[in-house]
Amino acid sequence: MNIVHGHIGWLEVICGPMFSGKSEELIRRMRRSLIARKRVQIFKPAIDNRYSNDEIVSHSDLRIRSQVVRSAEEILDLLEIRTEVVGIDEANFLGAELPEVANHLADMGKQVIIAGLDTDYLGRPFEPIPALLALAEEITKTLAICVQCGGPAKFTQRLVESSDLIVVGAAGLYEARCRRCFEAGSHRQQLLDFVKRPGKGP
């Protein structure tokens, strides 16, 4: 859906787990804007250099040129006055300042399209996406496929031991899981094992 006309500011958020097509959808919308001859700027955080230093790259290898920033405020520094559409990928790496920056861009009349993880490796809301969802005019929730059972997956399963909130990686470090197959930690795993045991009463 795209109901933005003229210079009305607008904020769209694409969210979901890893491997659910968030970057692919962002790239698709950016390319449509370019086809419509709109002036576009695309940003990604410097920490995300998994596939390219100066491109947004989806897991299916779709690519589009982007500018690298180290903070949300840097987007405002690099913004060109004639830009009409602003795309931001991996928003979960850009910190708590991003909602204010995104809101400011929309107030300036920009169409802002942001993609990022909405939950962390423990299944908790992953800021700043929840705050952006509250500000957005349009929200797209993407689902992946659970690698364990093939069902709809909304969680990102970390496969390596680390208590750090941010560990940059892709296949081999993470996989998509559904609610039933997701293992957020030993407590949740013990609960799931209990639920799965046959013959247990309430």
N, C-alpha and C. Protein backbone atom coordinates (compact mmCIF):
# COMPACT_ATOMS: atom_id res chain seq x y z
N MET A 1 0.85 -1.19 0.00
CA MET A 1 0.00 0.00 0.00
C MET A 1 0.88 1.24 0.00
N ASN A 2 0.54 2.21 -0.83
CA ASN A 2 1.29 3.46 -0.85
C ASN A 2 0.32 4.59 -1.14
N ILE A 3 -0.07 5.32 -0.10
CA ILE A 3 -1.08 6.36 -0.27
C ILE A 3 -0.49 7.74 -0.02
N VAL A 4 0.81 7.85 -0.13
CA VAL A 4 1.47 9.12 0.10
C VAL A 4 1.39 9.98 -1.16
N HIS A 5 0.98 11.21 -1.02
CA HIS A 5 0.86 12.11 -2.16
C HIS A 5 1.56 13.43 -1.83
N GLY A 6 2.13 14.04 -2.86
CA GLY A 6 2.74 15.35 -2.68
C GLY A 6 3.88 15.31 -1.68
N HIS A 7 3.90 16.29 -0.78
CA HIS A 7 4.98 16.39 0.19
C HIS A 7 4.48 16.15 1.61
N ILE A 8 3.51 15.24 1.74
CA ILE A 8 3.00 14.89 3.06
C ILE A 8 3.98 13.93 3.72
N GLY A 9 4.43 14.26 4.92
CA GLY A 9 5.33 13.38 5.64
C GLY A 9 4.65 12.09 6.02
N TRP A 10 5.45 11.02 6.13
CA TRP A 10 4.87 9.69 6.30
C TRP A 10 5.94 8.77 6.85
N LEU A 11 5.57 7.91 7.79
CA LEU A 11 6.53 6.95 8.36
C LEU A 11 5.99 5.53 8.20
N GLU A 12 6.77 4.69 7.54
CA GLU A 12 6.43 3.28 7.37
C GLU A 12 7.48 2.44 8.08
N VAL A 13 7.05 1.38 8.76
CA VAL A 13 7.97 0.48 9.44
C VAL A 13 7.74 -0.95 8.95
N ILE A 14 8.83 -1.60 8.56
CA ILE A 14 8.81 -3.00 8.16
C ILE A 14 9.55 -3.77 9.26
N CYS A 15 8.88 -4.69 9.95
CA CYS A 15 9.52 -5.36 11.08
C CYS A 15 9.22 -6.85 11.06
N GLY A 16 10.05 -7.59 11.79
CA GLY A 16 9.90 -9.03 11.87
C GLY A 16 11.21 -9.66 12.26
N PRO A 17 11.30 -10.99 12.25
CA PRO A 17 12.54 -11.66 12.61
C PRO A 17 13.54 -11.65 11.46
N MET A 18 14.73 -12.18 11.71
CA MET A 18 15.69 -12.37 10.62
C MET A 18 15.13 -13.38 9.62
N PHE A 19 15.57 -13.24 8.38
CA PHE A 19 15.20 -14.14 7.27
C PHE A 19 13.73 -14.04 6.89
N SER A 20 13.09 -12.92 7.21
CA SER A 20 11.67 -12.76 6.88
C SER A 20 11.43 -11.82 5.71
N GLY A 21 12.50 -11.29 5.09
CA GLY A 21 12.35 -10.46 3.91
C GLY A 21 12.20 -8.98 4.16
N LYS A 22 12.64 -8.49 5.34
CA LYS A 22 12.51 -7.07 5.65
C LYS A 22 13.34 -6.21 4.70
N SER A 23 14.62 -6.55 4.55
CA SER A 23 15.49 -5.77 3.67
C SER A 23 15.02 -5.87 2.21
N GLU A 24 14.56 -7.05 1.83
CA GLU A 24 14.06 -7.24 0.47
C GLU A 24 12.86 -6.33 0.20
N GLU A 25 11.97 -6.21 1.19
CA GLU A 25 10.80 -5.34 1.03
C GLU A 25 11.22 -3.87 1.01
N LEU A 26 12.20 -3.51 1.84
CA LEU A 26 12.69 -2.12 1.82
C LEU A 26 13.30 -1.80 0.47
N ILE A 27 14.11 -2.70 -0.06
CA ILE A 27 14.72 -2.49 -1.38
C ILE A 27 13.63 -2.35 -2.45
N ARG A 28 12.61 -3.18 -2.38
CA ARG A 28 11.51 -3.11 -3.36
C ARG A 28 10.85 -1.73 -3.34
N ARG A 29 10.58 -1.22 -2.14
CA ARG A 29 9.92 0.08 -2.04
C ARG A 29 10.84 1.21 -2.50
N MET A 30 12.14 1.09 -2.21
CA MET A 30 13.09 2.09 -2.68
C MET A 30 13.17 2.10 -4.20
N ARG A 31 13.19 0.93 -4.81
CA ARG A 31 13.26 0.85 -6.27
C ARG A 31 12.00 1.42 -6.92
N ARG A 32 10.85 1.18 -6.31
CA ARG A 32 9.60 1.77 -6.83
C ARG A 32 9.66 3.29 -6.77
N SER A 33 10.22 3.82 -5.69
CA SER A 33 10.36 5.28 -5.57
C SER A 33 11.29 5.82 -6.64
N LEU A 34 12.38 5.09 -6.92
CA LEU A 34 13.31 5.52 -7.97
C LEU A 34 12.65 5.48 -9.34
N ILE A 35 11.86 4.43 -9.60
CA ILE A 35 11.13 4.34 -10.87
C ILE A 35 10.16 5.51 -11.01
N ALA A 36 9.57 5.93 -9.89
CA ALA A 36 8.65 7.07 -9.89
C ALA A 36 9.38 8.41 -9.96
N ARG A 37 10.71 8.36 -10.13
CA ARG A 37 11.56 9.54 -10.26
C ARG A 37 11.55 10.42 -9.01
N LYS A 38 11.42 9.78 -7.87
CA LYS A 38 11.55 10.51 -6.62
C LYS A 38 13.01 10.55 -6.21
N ARG A 39 13.36 11.59 -5.47
CA ARG A 39 14.73 11.71 -4.95
C ARG A 39 14.84 10.90 -3.67
N VAL A 40 15.74 9.91 -3.70
CA VAL A 40 15.82 8.91 -2.64
C VAL A 40 17.20 8.93 -1.98
N GLN A 41 17.21 8.79 -0.66
CA GLN A 41 18.45 8.53 0.07
C GLN A 41 18.23 7.32 0.97
N ILE A 42 19.22 6.44 1.00
CA ILE A 42 19.11 5.19 1.75
C ILE A 42 20.29 5.09 2.72
N PHE A 43 19.99 4.72 3.95
CA PHE A 43 21.01 4.66 4.99
C PHE A 43 21.05 3.28 5.65
N LYS A 44 22.24 2.91 6.11
CA LYS A 44 22.38 1.70 6.91
C LYS A 44 23.46 1.93 7.96
N PRO A 45 23.40 1.23 9.10
CA PRO A 45 24.39 1.43 10.16
C PRO A 45 25.75 0.85 9.79
N ALA A 46 26.80 1.50 10.25
CA ALA A 46 28.16 1.08 9.93
C ALA A 46 28.46 -0.31 10.46
N ILE A 47 27.81 -0.71 11.55
CA ILE A 47 28.08 -2.00 12.15
C ILE A 47 27.67 -3.16 11.24
N ASP A 48 26.74 -2.91 10.32
CA ASP A 48 26.24 -3.97 9.45
C ASP A 48 27.05 -4.02 8.16
N ASN A 49 28.17 -4.73 8.22
CA ASN A 49 29.02 -4.87 7.02
C ASN A 49 29.14 -6.34 6.61
N ARG A 50 28.08 -7.11 6.87
CA ARG A 50 28.12 -8.55 6.60
C ARG A 50 28.34 -8.87 5.13
N TYR A 51 27.64 -8.17 4.24
CA TYR A 51 27.69 -8.48 2.82
C TYR A 51 28.32 -7.38 1.98
N SER A 52 28.24 -6.14 2.46
CA SER A 52 28.76 -5.01 1.69
C SER A 52 28.95 -3.82 2.62
N ASN A 53 29.93 -2.99 2.29
CA ASN A 53 30.16 -1.79 3.09
C ASN A 53 29.27 -0.62 2.67
N ASP A 54 28.79 -0.62 1.43
CA ASP A 54 28.04 0.54 0.94
C ASP A 54 26.76 0.14 0.20
N GLU A 55 26.23 -1.03 0.52
CA GLU A 55 24.97 -1.46 -0.07
C GLU A 55 24.11 -2.11 1.02
N ILE A 56 22.79 -1.98 0.86
CA ILE A 56 21.87 -2.83 1.61
C ILE A 56 21.72 -4.11 0.81
N VAL A 57 21.91 -5.24 1.46
CA VAL A 57 21.88 -6.53 0.77
C VAL A 57 20.92 -7.45 1.51
N SER A 58 19.95 -8.00 0.79
CA SER A 58 19.02 -8.95 1.40
C SER A 58 19.65 -10.33 1.43
N HIS A 59 19.04 -11.24 2.20
CA HIS A 59 19.55 -12.61 2.25
C HIS A 59 19.40 -13.32 0.91
N SER A 60 18.51 -12.81 0.05
CA SER A 60 18.37 -13.37 -1.30
C SER A 60 19.26 -12.66 -2.31
N ASP A 61 20.16 -11.78 -1.80
CA ASP A 61 21.19 -11.09 -2.57
C ASP A 61 20.64 -9.96 -3.45
N LEU A 62 19.48 -9.40 -3.13
CA LEU A 62 19.07 -8.15 -3.74
C LEU A 62 19.91 -7.04 -3.12
N ARG A 63 20.32 -6.06 -3.94
CA ARG A 63 21.22 -5.02 -3.46
C ARG A 63 20.76 -3.64 -3.92
N ILE A 64 21.06 -2.66 -3.08
CA ILE A 64 20.82 -1.27 -3.47
C ILE A 64 21.84 -0.40 -2.74
N ARG A 65 22.33 0.60 -3.43
CA ARG A 65 23.37 1.48 -2.87
C ARG A 65 22.84 2.24 -1.66
N SER A 66 23.68 2.39 -0.64
CA SER A 66 23.26 3.09 0.57
C SER A 66 24.42 3.90 1.14
N GLN A 67 24.09 4.80 2.05
CA GLN A 67 25.08 5.57 2.78
C GLN A 67 25.21 5.00 4.19
N VAL A 68 26.43 4.96 4.68
CA VAL A 68 26.70 4.37 5.99
C VAL A 68 26.68 5.46 7.06
N VAL A 69 25.99 5.18 8.17
CA VAL A 69 25.97 6.12 9.29
C VAL A 69 26.32 5.39 10.58
N ARG A 70 26.87 6.14 11.52
CA ARG A 70 27.24 5.56 12.82
C ARG A 70 26.24 5.91 13.91
N SER A 71 25.30 6.80 13.59
CA SER A 71 24.26 7.17 14.56
C SER A 71 23.06 7.67 13.80
N ALA A 72 21.92 7.72 14.47
CA ALA A 72 20.71 8.23 13.84
C ALA A 72 20.85 9.71 13.48
N GLU A 73 21.52 10.47 14.35
CA GLU A 73 21.67 11.91 14.10
C GLU A 73 22.46 12.19 12.83
N GLU A 74 23.36 11.28 12.47
CA GLU A 74 24.16 11.47 11.27
C GLU A 74 23.30 11.47 10.00
N ILE A 75 22.15 10.85 10.07
CA ILE A 75 21.22 10.87 8.93
C ILE A 75 20.82 12.31 8.62
N LEU A 76 20.55 13.08 9.65
CA LEU A 76 20.17 14.48 9.45
C LEU A 76 21.33 15.29 8.86
N ASP A 77 22.55 14.96 9.26
CA ASP A 77 23.72 15.66 8.74
C ASP A 77 23.91 15.39 7.24
N LEU A 78 23.59 14.16 6.82
CA LEU A 78 23.81 13.77 5.42
C LEU A 78 22.59 14.01 4.53
N LEU A 79 21.48 14.38 5.13
CA LEU A 79 20.25 14.56 4.37
C LEU A 79 20.36 15.71 3.38
N GLU A 80 19.97 15.44 2.14
CA GLU A 80 19.92 16.48 1.12
C GLU A 80 18.53 17.11 1.12
N ILE A 81 18.47 18.40 0.99
CA ILE A 81 17.22 19.13 1.16
C ILE A 81 16.15 18.70 0.16
N ARG A 82 16.56 18.25 -1.02
CA ARG A 82 15.59 17.88 -2.05
C ARG A 82 15.15 16.42 -1.96
N THR A 83 15.70 15.67 -1.02
CA THR A 83 15.33 14.26 -0.86
C THR A 83 13.86 14.15 -0.49
N GLU A 84 13.16 13.23 -1.15
CA GLU A 84 11.74 13.01 -0.89
C GLU A 84 11.47 11.74 -0.10
N VAL A 85 12.30 10.71 -0.34
CA VAL A 85 12.10 9.41 0.31
C VAL A 85 13.39 9.01 1.02
N VAL A 86 13.26 8.63 2.30
CA VAL A 86 14.41 8.21 3.10
C VAL A 86 14.19 6.75 3.50
N GLY A 87 15.14 5.89 3.15
CA GLY A 87 15.09 4.49 3.56
C GLY A 87 16.16 4.21 4.60
N ILE A 88 15.82 3.45 5.62
CA ILE A 88 16.77 3.10 6.70
C ILE A 88 16.64 1.62 6.98
N ASP A 89 17.75 0.88 6.85
CA ASP A 89 17.74 -0.55 7.13
C ASP A 89 18.42 -0.84 8.46
N GLU A 90 18.12 -2.03 9.03
CA GLU A 90 18.71 -2.47 10.30
C GLU A 90 18.57 -1.41 11.38
N ALA A 91 17.34 -0.91 11.54
CA ALA A 91 17.08 0.19 12.47
C ALA A 91 17.42 -0.18 13.90
N ASN A 92 17.40 -1.46 14.24
CA ASN A 92 17.69 -1.89 15.61
C ASN A 92 19.13 -1.62 16.02
N PHE A 93 20.00 -1.25 15.06
CA PHE A 93 21.39 -0.93 15.37
C PHE A 93 21.60 0.58 15.56
N LEU A 94 20.57 1.39 15.40
CA LEU A 94 20.77 2.84 15.38
C LEU A 94 20.32 3.56 16.65
N GLY A 95 19.91 2.83 17.66
CA GLY A 95 19.73 3.41 18.98
C GLY A 95 18.44 4.15 19.23
N ALA A 96 18.33 4.64 20.47
CA ALA A 96 17.10 5.25 20.96
C ALA A 96 16.78 6.59 20.32
N GLU A 97 17.75 7.20 19.62
CA GLU A 97 17.51 8.51 19.01
C GLU A 97 16.75 8.39 17.68
N LEU A 98 16.69 7.19 17.11
CA LEU A 98 16.09 7.05 15.78
C LEU A 98 14.63 7.47 15.70
N PRO A 99 13.76 7.13 16.67
CA PRO A 99 12.37 7.59 16.57
C PRO A 99 12.23 9.10 16.45
N GLU A 100 13.02 9.85 17.23
CA GLU A 100 12.96 11.31 17.14
C GLU A 100 13.43 11.79 15.78
N VAL A 101 14.50 11.18 15.27
CA VAL A 101 15.01 11.55 13.94
C VAL A 101 13.99 11.22 12.86
N ALA A 102 13.40 10.04 12.93
CA ALA A 102 12.41 9.62 11.93
C ALA A 102 11.18 10.53 11.97
N ASN A 103 10.74 10.86 13.16
CA ASN A 103 9.58 11.75 13.31
C ASN A 103 9.89 13.12 12.73
N HIS A 104 11.10 13.60 12.96
CA HIS A 104 11.52 14.89 12.42
C HIS A 104 11.53 14.88 10.90
N LEU A 105 12.03 13.80 10.32
CA LEU A 105 12.04 13.67 8.86
C LEU A 105 10.63 13.68 8.29
N ALA A 106 9.72 12.95 8.95
CA ALA A 106 8.33 12.93 8.49
C ALA A 106 7.68 14.31 8.62
N ASP A 107 8.00 15.01 9.71
CA ASP A 107 7.47 16.36 9.90
C ASP A 107 8.00 17.32 8.83
N MET A 108 9.18 17.02 8.27
CA MET A 108 9.75 17.83 7.19
C MET A 108 9.09 17.53 5.84
N GLY A 109 8.20 16.54 5.81
CA GLY A 109 7.53 16.19 4.56
C GLY A 109 8.15 15.01 3.83
N LYS A 110 9.09 14.32 4.48
CA LYS A 110 9.74 13.18 3.84
C LYS A 110 8.91 11.91 4.04
N GLN A 111 8.96 11.03 3.06
CA GLN A 111 8.43 9.68 3.22
C GLN A 111 9.57 8.84 3.79
N VAL A 112 9.38 8.30 4.99
CA VAL A 112 10.43 7.58 5.69
C VAL A 112 10.03 6.11 5.78
N ILE A 113 10.91 5.23 5.30
CA ILE A 113 10.64 3.79 5.32
C ILE A 113 11.77 3.11 6.08
N ILE A 114 11.44 2.45 7.17
CA ILE A 114 12.43 1.88 8.09
C ILE A 114 12.20 0.38 8.24
N ALA A 115 13.28 -0.40 8.21
CA ALA A 115 13.20 -1.84 8.42
C ALA A 115 14.08 -2.25 9.58
N GLY A 116 13.62 -3.22 10.38
CA GLY A 116 14.43 -3.69 11.49
C GLY A 116 13.77 -4.80 12.28
N LEU A 117 14.55 -5.42 13.15
CA LEU A 117 14.06 -6.48 14.03
C LEU A 117 13.17 -5.90 15.11
N ASP A 118 12.04 -6.54 15.37
CA ASP A 118 11.16 -6.05 16.43
C ASP A 118 11.33 -6.80 17.75
N THR A 119 12.05 -7.94 17.73
CA THR A 119 12.37 -8.64 18.97
C THR A 119 13.84 -9.05 18.97
N ASP A 120 14.43 -9.16 20.17
CA ASP A 120 15.83 -9.54 20.27
C ASP A 120 15.97 -11.06 20.39
N TYR A 121 17.19 -11.52 20.69
CA TYR A 121 17.45 -12.96 20.72
C TYR A 121 16.76 -13.67 21.88
N LEU A 122 16.25 -12.90 22.86
CA LEU A 122 15.48 -13.47 23.96
C LEU A 122 13.98 -13.34 23.75
N GLY A 123 13.59 -12.81 22.59
CA GLY A 123 12.17 -12.66 22.29
C GLY A 123 11.55 -11.41 22.88
N ARG A 124 12.37 -10.50 23.39
CA ARG A 124 11.85 -9.26 23.99
C ARG A 124 11.73 -8.16 22.93
N PRO A 125 10.83 -7.20 23.13
CA PRO A 125 10.75 -6.06 22.21
C PRO A 125 12.12 -5.40 22.07
N PHE A 126 12.52 -5.15 20.83
CA PHE A 126 13.87 -4.67 20.53
C PHE A 126 13.78 -3.20 20.11
N GLU A 127 14.12 -2.31 21.04
CA GLU A 127 14.12 -0.88 20.72
C GLU A 127 15.20 -0.59 19.67
N PRO A 128 14.95 0.38 18.80
CA PRO A 128 13.87 1.37 18.88
C PRO A 128 12.62 1.02 18.07
N ILE A 129 12.51 -0.23 17.57
CA ILE A 129 11.37 -0.57 16.72
C ILE A 129 10.02 -0.37 17.42
N PRO A 130 9.82 -0.82 18.67
CA PRO A 130 8.52 -0.59 19.30
C PRO A 130 8.11 0.88 19.33
N ALA A 131 9.06 1.77 19.62
CA ALA A 131 8.75 3.20 19.63
C ALA A 131 8.39 3.69 18.23
N LEU A 132 9.08 3.18 17.21
CA LEU A 132 8.78 3.56 15.83
C LEU A 132 7.40 3.07 15.41
N LEU A 133 7.01 1.88 15.88
CA LEU A 133 5.68 1.36 15.55
C LEU A 133 4.59 2.28 16.07
N ALA A 134 4.83 2.87 17.24
CA ALA A 134 3.82 3.78 17.82
C ALA A 134 3.69 5.07 17.02
N LEU A 135 4.75 5.45 16.30
CA LEU A 135 4.75 6.69 15.53
C LEU A 135 4.31 6.50 14.08
N ALA A 136 4.34 5.27 13.59
CA ALA A 136 4.20 5.01 12.16
C ALA A 136 2.75 5.14 11.67
N GLU A 137 2.62 5.61 10.43
CA GLU A 137 1.33 5.59 9.75
C GLU A 137 1.04 4.22 9.15
N GLU A 138 2.08 3.51 8.77
CA GLU A 138 1.89 2.19 8.15
C GLU A 138 2.91 1.20 8.72
N ILE A 139 2.44 -0.01 9.02
CA ILE A 139 3.29 -1.06 9.59
C ILE A 139 3.15 -2.33 8.77
N THR A 140 4.28 -2.93 8.41
CA THR A 140 4.29 -4.22 7.73
C THR A 140 5.02 -5.21 8.61
N LYS A 141 4.32 -6.26 9.03
CA LYS A 141 4.92 -7.32 9.86
C LYS A 141 5.24 -8.50 8.96
N THR A 142 6.52 -8.85 8.86
CA THR A 142 6.93 -9.96 8.02
C THR A 142 7.20 -11.19 8.89
N LEU A 143 6.92 -12.37 8.35
CA LEU A 143 7.18 -13.62 9.04
C LEU A 143 8.16 -14.45 8.22
N ALA A 144 8.98 -15.22 8.90
CA ALA A 144 9.89 -16.14 8.24
C ALA A 144 9.31 -17.55 8.31
N ILE A 145 10.11 -18.55 7.94
CA ILE A 145 9.70 -19.95 8.03
C ILE A 145 10.55 -20.61 9.11
N CYS A 146 9.91 -21.25 10.06
CA CYS A 146 10.62 -21.92 11.14
C CYS A 146 11.44 -23.08 10.57
N VAL A 147 12.74 -23.08 10.86
CA VAL A 147 13.61 -24.12 10.32
C VAL A 147 13.41 -25.46 11.02
N GLN A 148 12.72 -25.43 12.16
CA GLN A 148 12.48 -26.66 12.91
C GLN A 148 11.24 -27.41 12.44
N CYS A 149 10.15 -26.67 12.23
CA CYS A 149 8.87 -27.32 11.92
C CYS A 149 8.22 -26.83 10.64
N GLY A 150 8.74 -25.76 10.04
CA GLY A 150 8.17 -25.24 8.81
C GLY A 150 7.00 -24.29 8.99
N GLY A 151 6.65 -23.99 10.23
CA GLY A 151 5.55 -23.08 10.50
C GLY A 151 5.97 -21.63 10.38
N PRO A 152 4.99 -20.71 10.53
CA PRO A 152 5.31 -19.27 10.50
C PRO A 152 6.21 -18.89 11.68
N ALA A 153 7.31 -18.20 11.40
CA ALA A 153 8.28 -17.88 12.43
C ALA A 153 8.31 -16.38 12.70
N LYS A 154 8.19 -16.00 13.96
CA LYS A 154 8.27 -14.59 14.35
C LYS A 154 9.45 -14.30 15.27
N PHE A 155 10.24 -15.33 15.61
CA PHE A 155 11.37 -15.16 16.51
C PHE A 155 12.69 -15.40 15.79
N THR A 156 13.75 -14.76 16.31
CA THR A 156 15.11 -14.97 15.82
C THR A 156 15.87 -15.77 16.86
N GLN A 157 16.27 -16.98 16.50
CA GLN A 157 16.99 -17.87 17.41
C GLN A 157 18.49 -17.66 17.26
N ARG A 158 19.17 -17.29 18.35
CA ARG A 158 20.63 -17.19 18.32
C ARG A 158 21.20 -18.58 18.59
N LEU A 159 22.19 -18.96 17.78
CA LEU A 159 22.76 -20.30 17.86
C LEU A 159 24.11 -20.34 18.56
N VAL A 160 24.64 -19.19 18.94
CA VAL A 160 25.93 -19.13 19.62
C VAL A 160 25.74 -18.57 21.02
N GLU A 161 26.63 -18.97 21.93
CA GLU A 161 26.55 -18.50 23.31
C GLU A 161 27.09 -17.08 23.41
N SER A 162 26.24 -16.15 23.79
CA SER A 162 26.65 -14.77 24.04
C SER A 162 25.52 -14.06 24.76
N SER A 163 25.87 -13.26 25.75
CA SER A 163 24.86 -12.47 26.46
C SER A 163 24.80 -11.05 25.92
N ASP A 164 25.60 -10.74 24.89
CA ASP A 164 25.55 -9.42 24.28
C ASP A 164 24.24 -9.24 23.54
N LEU A 165 23.65 -8.05 23.65
CA LEU A 165 22.39 -7.80 22.96
C LEU A 165 22.57 -7.84 21.46
N ILE A 166 23.68 -7.28 20.97
CA ILE A 166 23.93 -7.22 19.52
C ILE A 166 25.12 -8.09 19.17
N VAL A 167 24.88 -9.10 18.36
CA VAL A 167 25.92 -9.92 17.76
C VAL A 167 25.60 -9.99 16.27
N VAL A 168 26.39 -9.28 15.46
CA VAL A 168 26.08 -9.18 14.03
C VAL A 168 26.41 -10.49 13.35
N GLY A 169 25.44 -11.00 12.58
CA GLY A 169 25.66 -12.25 11.85
C GLY A 169 24.43 -12.62 11.07
N ALA A 170 24.50 -13.78 10.40
CA ALA A 170 23.37 -14.25 9.59
C ALA A 170 23.28 -15.76 9.75
N ALA A 171 23.17 -16.47 8.61
CA ALA A 171 23.06 -17.92 8.67
C ALA A 171 24.28 -18.51 9.37
N GLY A 172 24.04 -19.45 10.25
CA GLY A 172 25.12 -20.03 11.05
C GLY A 172 25.15 -19.48 12.46
N LEU A 173 24.74 -18.21 12.60
CA LEU A 173 24.65 -17.60 13.93
C LEU A 173 23.20 -17.47 14.39
N TYR A 174 22.29 -17.38 13.44
CA TYR A 174 20.88 -17.19 13.75
C TYR A 174 20.02 -18.07 12.83
N GLU A 175 18.81 -18.35 13.28
CA GLU A 175 17.81 -18.96 12.42
C GLU A 175 16.43 -18.54 12.90
N ALA A 176 15.46 -18.64 12.02
CA ALA A 176 14.10 -18.25 12.35
C ALA A 176 13.38 -19.40 13.05
N ARG A 177 12.59 -19.08 14.06
CA ARG A 177 11.83 -20.09 14.80
C ARG A 177 10.40 -19.59 15.06
N CYS A 178 9.47 -20.53 15.14
CA CYS A 178 8.10 -20.21 15.54
C CYS A 178 8.04 -20.13 17.07
N ARG A 179 6.90 -19.78 17.61
CA ARG A 179 6.74 -19.64 19.05
C ARG A 179 7.03 -20.97 19.78
N ARG A 180 6.59 -22.06 19.22
CA ARG A 180 6.76 -23.36 19.88
C ARG A 180 8.23 -23.82 19.88
N CYS A 181 8.94 -23.55 18.80
CA CYS A 181 10.31 -24.04 18.66
C CYS A 181 11.37 -23.07 19.18
N PHE A 182 10.96 -21.85 19.49
CA PHE A 182 11.91 -20.83 19.95
C PHE A 182 12.42 -21.17 21.34
N GLU A 183 13.72 -21.08 21.55
CA GLU A 183 14.36 -21.35 22.84
C GLU A 183 15.07 -20.09 23.30
N ALA A 184 14.41 -19.32 24.14
CA ALA A 184 14.98 -18.05 24.58
C ALA A 184 15.99 -18.22 25.70
N GLY A 185 15.98 -19.35 26.36
CA GLY A 185 16.89 -19.57 27.49
C GLY A 185 16.49 -20.83 28.21
N SER A 186 17.26 -21.18 29.22
CA SER A 186 17.03 -22.46 29.88
C SER A 186 15.67 -22.52 30.55
N HIS A 187 15.21 -21.41 31.15
CA HIS A 187 13.92 -21.41 31.83
C HIS A 187 12.79 -21.70 30.84
N ARG A 188 12.83 -21.01 29.70
CA ARG A 188 11.78 -21.24 28.71
C ARG A 188 11.88 -22.65 28.14
N GLN A 189 13.11 -23.14 27.94
CA GLN A 189 13.27 -24.48 27.39
C GLN A 189 12.71 -25.53 28.36
N GLN A 190 12.94 -25.37 29.66
CA GLN A 190 12.39 -26.29 30.63
C GLN A 190 10.87 -26.27 30.61
N LEU A 191 10.29 -25.08 30.43
CA LEU A 191 8.83 -24.95 30.35
C LEU A 191 8.31 -25.67 29.11
N LEU A 192 8.98 -25.47 27.97
CA LEU A 192 8.54 -26.13 26.74
C LEU A 192 8.66 -27.65 26.86
N ASP A 193 9.74 -28.13 27.46
CA ASP A 193 9.91 -29.57 27.64
C ASP A 193 8.80 -30.13 28.51
N PHE A 194 8.42 -29.38 29.54
CA PHE A 194 7.33 -29.81 30.41
C PHE A 194 6.02 -29.90 29.66
N VAL A 195 5.74 -28.88 28.83
CA VAL A 195 4.49 -28.85 28.07
C VAL A 195 4.44 -29.99 27.07
N LYS A 196 5.61 -30.33 26.47
CA LYS A 196 5.65 -31.35 25.43
C LYS A 196 5.55 -32.78 25.98
N ARG A 197 5.85 -32.95 27.31
CA ARG A 197 5.84 -34.29 27.86
C ARG A 197 4.43 -34.88 27.85
N PRO A 198 4.25 -36.08 27.31
CA PRO A 198 2.91 -36.68 27.28
C PRO A 198 2.46 -37.11 28.67
N GLY A 199 1.17 -37.09 28.87
CA GLY A 199 0.60 -37.64 30.10
C GLY A 199 0.69 -36.73 31.29
N LYS A 200 1.14 -35.48 31.10
CA LYS A 200 1.24 -34.56 32.24
C LYS A 200 -0.05 -33.77 32.38
N GLY A 201 -0.53 -33.68 33.60
CA GLY A 201 -1.71 -32.90 33.87
C GLY A 201 -1.37 -31.46 34.05
N PRO A 202 -2.36 -30.59 34.37
CA PRO A 202 -2.11 -29.17 34.58
C PRO A 202 -1.27 -28.93 35.81
